[in-house]
Structures are given as structure tokens and as C-alpha cells.
Amino acid sequence: CTGCHGSPLTNNAPFELLTYAQVN
């Protein structure tokens, strides 16, 4: 997931999924 949902976001991903808080 973090290929797009990383920092920076790519491919129009709307949110990051890098931390527990973000995934939660």
C-alpha cells in the first residue's frame, strides 16, 4: 500500500498509511 499511500502520496491516493494512527 505505501507505494501510493506513502509520503508523498502518489496515484491520487487520498491518505497516508505509514503509521499506526493513520491505519487505525
PDB file of all heavy atoms in Angstrom:
ATOM      1  N   CYS A   1       0.784  -1.237   0.000  1.00  0.00           N
ATOM      2  CA  CYS A   1       0.000   0.000   0.000  1.00  0.00           C
ATOM      3  C   CYS A   1       0.817   1.288   0.000  1.00  0.00           C
ATOM      4  O   CYS A   1       0.394   2.286  -0.576  1.00  0.00           O
ATOM      5  CB  CYS A   1      -0.935   0.019   1.209  1.00  0.00           C
ATOM      6  SG  CYS A   1      -1.990  -1.445   1.343  1.00  0.00           S
ATOM      7  N   THR A   2       1.955   1.281   0.676  1.00  0.00           N
ATOM      8  CA  THR A   2       2.658   2.550   0.881  1.00  0.00           C
ATOM      9  C   THR A   2       3.362   3.065  -0.370  1.00  0.00           C
ATOM     10  O   THR A   2       3.853   4.197  -0.367  1.00  0.00           O
ATOM     11  CB  THR A   2       3.657   2.466   2.048  1.00  0.00           C
ATOM     12  OG1 THR A   2       4.611   1.434   1.768  1.00  0.00           O
ATOM     13  CG2 THR A   2       2.937   2.193   3.352  1.00  0.00           C
ATOM     14  N   GLY A   3       3.387   2.283  -1.434  1.00  0.00           N
ATOM     15  CA  GLY A   3       3.898   2.807  -2.694  1.00  0.00           C
ATOM     16  C   GLY A   3       3.085   4.010  -3.153  1.00  0.00           C
ATOM     17  O   GLY A   3       3.613   4.965  -3.709  1.00  0.00           O
ATOM     18  N   CYS A   4       1.783   3.965  -2.915  1.00  0.00           N
ATOM     19  CA  CYS A   4       0.891   5.091  -3.252  1.00  0.00           C
ATOM     20  C   CYS A   4       0.493   5.868  -2.001  1.00  0.00           C
ATOM     21  O   CYS A   4       0.402   7.086  -2.016  1.00  0.00           O
ATOM     22  CB  CYS A   4      -0.372   4.585  -3.949  1.00  0.00           C
ATOM     23  SG  CYS A   4      -0.047   3.787  -5.536  1.00  0.00           S
ATOM     24  N   HIS A   5       0.224   5.127  -0.900  1.00  0.00           N
ATOM     25  CA  HIS A   5      -0.241   5.734   0.343  1.00  0.00           C
ATOM     26  C   HIS A   5       0.937   6.056   1.260  1.00  0.00           C
ATOM     27  O   HIS A   5       0.890   5.829   2.463  1.00  0.00           O
ATOM     28  CB  HIS A   5      -1.220   4.796   1.057  1.00  0.00           C
ATOM     29  CG  HIS A   5      -2.507   4.614   0.333  1.00  0.00           C
ATOM     30  ND1 HIS A   5      -3.584   5.438   0.523  1.00  0.00           N
ATOM     31  CD2 HIS A   5      -2.889   3.685  -0.597  1.00  0.00           C
ATOM     32  CE1 HIS A   5      -4.584   5.037  -0.245  1.00  0.00           C
ATOM     33  NE2 HIS A   5      -4.187   3.973  -0.944  1.00  0.00           N
ATOM     34  N   GLY A   6       2.019   6.548   0.652  1.00  0.00           N
ATOM     35  CA  GLY A   6       3.208   6.910   1.408  1.00  0.00           C
ATOM     36  C   GLY A   6       3.378   8.411   1.456  1.00  0.00           C
ATOM     37  O   GLY A   6       2.421   9.169   1.317  1.00  0.00           O
ATOM     38  N   SER A   7       4.618   8.813   1.622  1.00  0.00           N
ATOM     39  CA  SER A   7       4.917  10.232   1.655  1.00  0.00           C
ATOM     40  C   SER A   7       6.022  10.492   0.650  1.00  0.00           C
ATOM     41  O   SER A   7       7.129   9.989   0.823  1.00  0.00           O
ATOM     42  CB  SER A   7       5.365  10.644   3.045  1.00  0.00           C
ATOM     43  OG  SER A   7       5.635  12.018   3.099  1.00  0.00           O
ATOM     44  N   PRO A   8       5.725  11.175  -0.422  1.00  0.00           N
ATOM     45  CA  PRO A   8       4.463  11.842  -0.745  1.00  0.00           C
ATOM     46  C   PRO A   8       3.452  10.844  -1.314  1.00  0.00           C
ATOM     47  O   PRO A   8       3.801   9.769  -1.785  1.00  0.00           O
ATOM     48  CB  PRO A   8       4.868  12.861  -1.813  1.00  0.00           C
ATOM     49  CG  PRO A   8       6.018  12.208  -2.515  1.00  0.00           C
ATOM     50  CD  PRO A   8       6.751  11.422  -1.450  1.00  0.00           C
ATOM     51  N   LEU A   9       2.184  11.249  -1.245  1.00  0.00           N
ATOM     52  CA  LEU A   9       1.110  10.459  -1.835  1.00  0.00           C
ATOM     53  C   LEU A   9       1.300  10.423  -3.348  1.00  0.00           C
ATOM     54  O   LEU A   9       1.717  11.408  -3.948  1.00  0.00           O
ATOM     55  CB  LEU A   9      -0.252  11.078  -1.500  1.00  0.00           C
ATOM     56  CG  LEU A   9      -0.643  11.093  -0.025  1.00  0.00           C
ATOM     57  CD1 LEU A   9      -1.883  11.947   0.183  1.00  0.00           C
ATOM     58  CD2 LEU A   9      -0.878   9.685   0.489  1.00  0.00           C
ATOM     59  N   THR A  10       0.999   9.278  -3.971  1.00  0.00           N
ATOM     60  CA  THR A  10       1.081   9.180  -5.417  1.00  0.00           C
ATOM     61  C   THR A  10      -0.181   8.524  -5.965  1.00  0.00           C
ATOM     62  O   THR A  10      -0.972   7.943  -5.199  1.00  0.00           O
ATOM     63  CB  THR A  10       2.314   8.360  -5.861  1.00  0.00           C
ATOM     64  OG1 THR A  10       2.221   7.041  -5.332  1.00  0.00           O
ATOM     65  CG2 THR A  10       3.612   9.005  -5.409  1.00  0.00           C
ATOM     66  N   ASN A  11      -0.375   8.601  -7.264  1.00  0.00           N
ATOM     67  CA  ASN A  11      -1.507   7.973  -7.957  1.00  0.00           C
ATOM     68  C   ASN A  11      -2.858   8.343  -7.345  1.00  0.00           C
ATOM     69  O   ASN A  11      -3.756   7.508  -7.251  1.00  0.00           O
ATOM     70  CB  ASN A  11      -1.340   6.454  -7.995  1.00  0.00           C
ATOM     71  CG  ASN A  11      -0.144   6.048  -8.812  1.00  0.00           C
ATOM     72  OD1 ASN A  11       0.193   6.691  -9.789  1.00  0.00           O
ATOM     73  ND2 ASN A  11       0.524   4.980  -8.403  1.00  0.00           N
ATOM     74  N   ASN A  12      -2.987   9.576  -6.933  1.00  0.00           N
ATOM     75  CA  ASN A  12      -4.236  10.116  -6.364  1.00  0.00           C
ATOM     76  C   ASN A  12      -4.679   9.440  -5.073  1.00  0.00           C
ATOM     77  O   ASN A  12      -5.854   9.476  -4.715  1.00  0.00           O
ATOM     78  CB  ASN A  12      -5.377  10.055  -7.389  1.00  0.00           C
ATOM     79  CG  ASN A  12      -5.079  10.910  -8.588  1.00  0.00           C
ATOM     80  OD1 ASN A  12      -4.579  12.026  -8.446  1.00  0.00           O
ATOM     81  ND2 ASN A  12      -5.361  10.394  -9.773  1.00  0.00           N
ATOM     82  N   ALA A  13      -3.770   8.811  -4.348  1.00  0.00           N
ATOM     83  CA  ALA A  13      -4.115   8.230  -3.047  1.00  0.00           C
ATOM     84  C   ALA A  13      -4.562   9.357  -2.120  1.00  0.00           C
ATOM     85  O   ALA A  13      -3.897  10.394  -2.035  1.00  0.00           O
ATOM     86  CB  ALA A  13      -2.918   7.498  -2.462  1.00  0.00           C
ATOM     87  N   PRO A  14      -5.691   9.181  -1.417  1.00  0.00           N
ATOM     88  CA  PRO A  14      -6.232  10.274  -0.609  1.00  0.00           C
ATOM     89  C   PRO A  14      -5.652  10.393   0.804  1.00  0.00           C
ATOM     90  O   PRO A  14      -5.886  11.388   1.477  1.00  0.00           O
ATOM     91  CB  PRO A  14      -7.719   9.942  -0.544  1.00  0.00           C
ATOM     92  CG  PRO A  14      -7.777   8.457  -0.672  1.00  0.00           C
ATOM     93  CD  PRO A  14      -6.635   8.076  -1.558  1.00  0.00           C
ATOM     94  N   PHE A  15      -4.929   9.381   1.282  1.00  0.00           N
ATOM     95  CA  PHE A  15      -4.395   9.445   2.641  1.00  0.00           C
ATOM     96  C   PHE A  15      -3.161   8.551   2.749  1.00  0.00           C
ATOM     97  O   PHE A  15      -2.975   7.616   1.979  1.00  0.00           O
ATOM     98  CB  PHE A  15      -5.438   9.034   3.688  1.00  0.00           C
ATOM     99  CG  PHE A  15      -6.190   7.774   3.342  1.00  0.00           C
ATOM    100  CD1 PHE A  15      -5.648   6.516   3.572  1.00  0.00           C
ATOM    101  CD2 PHE A  15      -7.454   7.847   2.773  1.00  0.00           C
ATOM    102  CE1 PHE A  15      -6.341   5.361   3.247  1.00  0.00           C
ATOM    103  CE2 PHE A  15      -8.161   6.693   2.452  1.00  0.00           C
ATOM    104  CZ  PHE A  15      -7.587   5.436   2.685  1.00  0.00           C
ATOM    105  N   GLU A  16      -2.310   8.871   3.735  1.00  0.00           N
ATOM    106  CA  GLU A  16      -1.115   8.074   4.011  1.00  0.00           C
ATOM    107  C   GLU A  16      -1.469   6.884   4.900  1.00  0.00           C
ATOM    108  O   GLU A  16      -2.406   6.961   5.706  1.00  0.00           O
ATOM    109  CB  GLU A  16      -0.053   8.927   4.715  1.00  0.00           C
ATOM    110  CG  GLU A  16       0.525  10.005   3.847  1.00  0.00           C
ATOM    111  CD  GLU A  16       1.587  10.835   4.559  1.00  0.00           C
ATOM    112  OE1 GLU A  16       1.822  10.630   5.777  1.00  0.00           O
ATOM    113  OE2 GLU A  16       2.184  11.690   3.894  1.00  0.00           O
ATOM    114  N   LEU A  17      -0.715   5.811   4.752  1.00  0.00           N
ATOM    115  CA  LEU A  17      -0.860   4.623   5.606  1.00  0.00           C
ATOM    116  C   LEU A  17       0.517   4.232   6.134  1.00  0.00           C
ATOM    117  O   LEU A  17       0.981   3.105   5.964  1.00  0.00           O
ATOM    118  CB  LEU A  17      -1.487   3.465   4.815  1.00  0.00           C
ATOM    119  CG  LEU A  17      -2.924   3.669   4.356  1.00  0.00           C
ATOM    120  CD1 LEU A  17      -3.378   2.520   3.482  1.00  0.00           C
ATOM    121  CD2 LEU A  17      -3.853   3.836   5.553  1.00  0.00           C
ATOM    122  N   LEU A  18       1.167   5.183   6.795  1.00  0.00           N
ATOM    123  CA  LEU A  18       2.532   4.985   7.271  1.00  0.00           C
ATOM    124  C   LEU A  18       2.633   4.714   8.763  1.00  0.00           C
ATOM    125  O   LEU A  18       3.619   4.128   9.210  1.00  0.00           O
ATOM    126  CB  LEU A  18       3.388   6.206   6.917  1.00  0.00           C
ATOM    127  CG  LEU A  18       3.551   6.471   5.424  1.00  0.00           C
ATOM    128  CD1 LEU A  18       4.247   7.803   5.196  1.00  0.00           C
ATOM    129  CD2 LEU A  18       4.314   5.338   4.765  1.00  0.00           C
ATOM    130  N   THR A  19       1.654   5.145   9.521  1.00  0.00           N
ATOM    131  CA  THR A  19       1.727   4.995  10.972  1.00  0.00           C
ATOM    132  C   THR A  19       0.518   4.219  11.489  1.00  0.00           C
ATOM    133  O   THR A  19      -0.507   4.108  10.806  1.00  0.00           O
ATOM    134  CB  THR A  19       1.748   6.368  11.673  1.00  0.00           C
ATOM    135  OG1 THR A  19       0.478   7.005  11.474  1.00  0.00           O
ATOM    136  CG2 THR A  19       2.871   7.249  11.148  1.00  0.00           C
ATOM    137  N   TYR A  20       0.655   3.722  12.703  1.00  0.00           N
ATOM    138  CA  TYR A  20      -0.465   3.033  13.334  1.00  0.00           C
ATOM    139  C   TYR A  20      -1.686   3.948  13.391  1.00  0.00           C
ATOM    140  O   TYR A  20      -2.796   3.524  13.066  1.00  0.00           O
ATOM    141  CB  TYR A  20      -0.088   2.567  14.747  1.00  0.00           C
ATOM    142  CG  TYR A  20      -1.299   2.144  15.545  1.00  0.00           C
ATOM    143  CD1 TYR A  20      -1.898   0.914  15.312  1.00  0.00           C
ATOM    144  CD2 TYR A  20      -1.858   2.984  16.503  1.00  0.00           C
ATOM    145  CE1 TYR A  20      -3.029   0.526  16.019  1.00  0.00           C
ATOM    146  CE2 TYR A  20      -2.982   2.605  17.206  1.00  0.00           C
ATOM    147  CZ  TYR A  20      -3.556   1.377  16.966  1.00  0.00           C
ATOM    148  OH  TYR A  20      -4.686   1.003  17.659  1.00  0.00           O
ATOM    149  N   ALA A  21      -1.499   5.199  13.781  1.00  0.00           N
ATOM    150  CA  ALA A  21      -2.632   6.131  13.905  1.00  0.00           C
ATOM    151  C   ALA A  21      -3.347   6.314  12.569  1.00  0.00           C
ATOM    152  O   ALA A  21      -4.588   6.321  12.516  1.00  0.00           O
ATOM    153  CB  ALA A  21      -2.145   7.484  14.436  1.00  0.00           C
ATOM    154  N   GLN A  22      -2.599   6.445  11.501  1.00  0.00           N
ATOM    155  CA  GLN A  22      -3.210   6.613  10.176  1.00  0.00           C
ATOM    156  C   GLN A  22      -3.979   5.360   9.757  1.00  0.00           C
ATOM    157  O   GLN A  22      -5.101   5.445   9.249  1.00  0.00           O
ATOM    158  CB  GLN A  22      -2.129   6.922   9.138  1.00  0.00           C
ATOM    159  CG  GLN A  22      -1.480   8.272   9.323  1.00  0.00           C
ATOM    160  CD  GLN A  22      -0.205   8.428   8.503  1.00  0.00           C
ATOM    161  OE1 GLN A  22       0.427   7.460   8.080  1.00  0.00           O
ATOM    162  NE2 GLN A  22       0.180   9.693   8.286  1.00  0.00           N
ATOM    163  N   VAL A  23      -3.390   4.196   9.974  1.00  0.00           N
ATOM    164  CA  VAL A  23      -4.034   2.932   9.599  1.00  0.00           C
ATOM    165  C   VAL A  23      -5.252   2.680  10.471  1.00  0.00           C
ATOM    166  O   VAL A  23      -6.313   2.280   9.983  1.00  0.00           O
ATOM    167  CB  VAL A  23      -3.024   1.768   9.674  1.00  0.00           C
ATOM    168  CG1 VAL A  23      -3.701   0.436   9.432  1.00  0.00           C
ATOM    169  CG2 VAL A  23      -1.889   1.987   8.677  1.00  0.00           C
ATOM    170  N   ASN A  24      -5.122   2.940  11.748  1.00  0.00           N
ATOM    171  CA  ASN A  24      -6.245   2.769  12.679  1.00  0.00           C
ATOM    172  C   ASN A  24      -7.436   3.619  12.240  1.00  0.00           C
ATOM    173  O   ASN A  24      -8.578   3.155  12.222  1.00  0.00           O
ATOM    174  CB  ASN A  24      -5.792   3.138  14.091  1.00  0.00           C
ATOM    175  CG  ASN A  24      -6.862   2.926  15.124  1.00  0.00           C
ATOM    176  OD1 ASN A  24      -7.600   1.949  15.088  1.00  0.00           O
ATOM    177  ND2 ASN A  24      -6.950   3.847  16.069  1.00  0.00           N
TER     178      ASN A  24
END
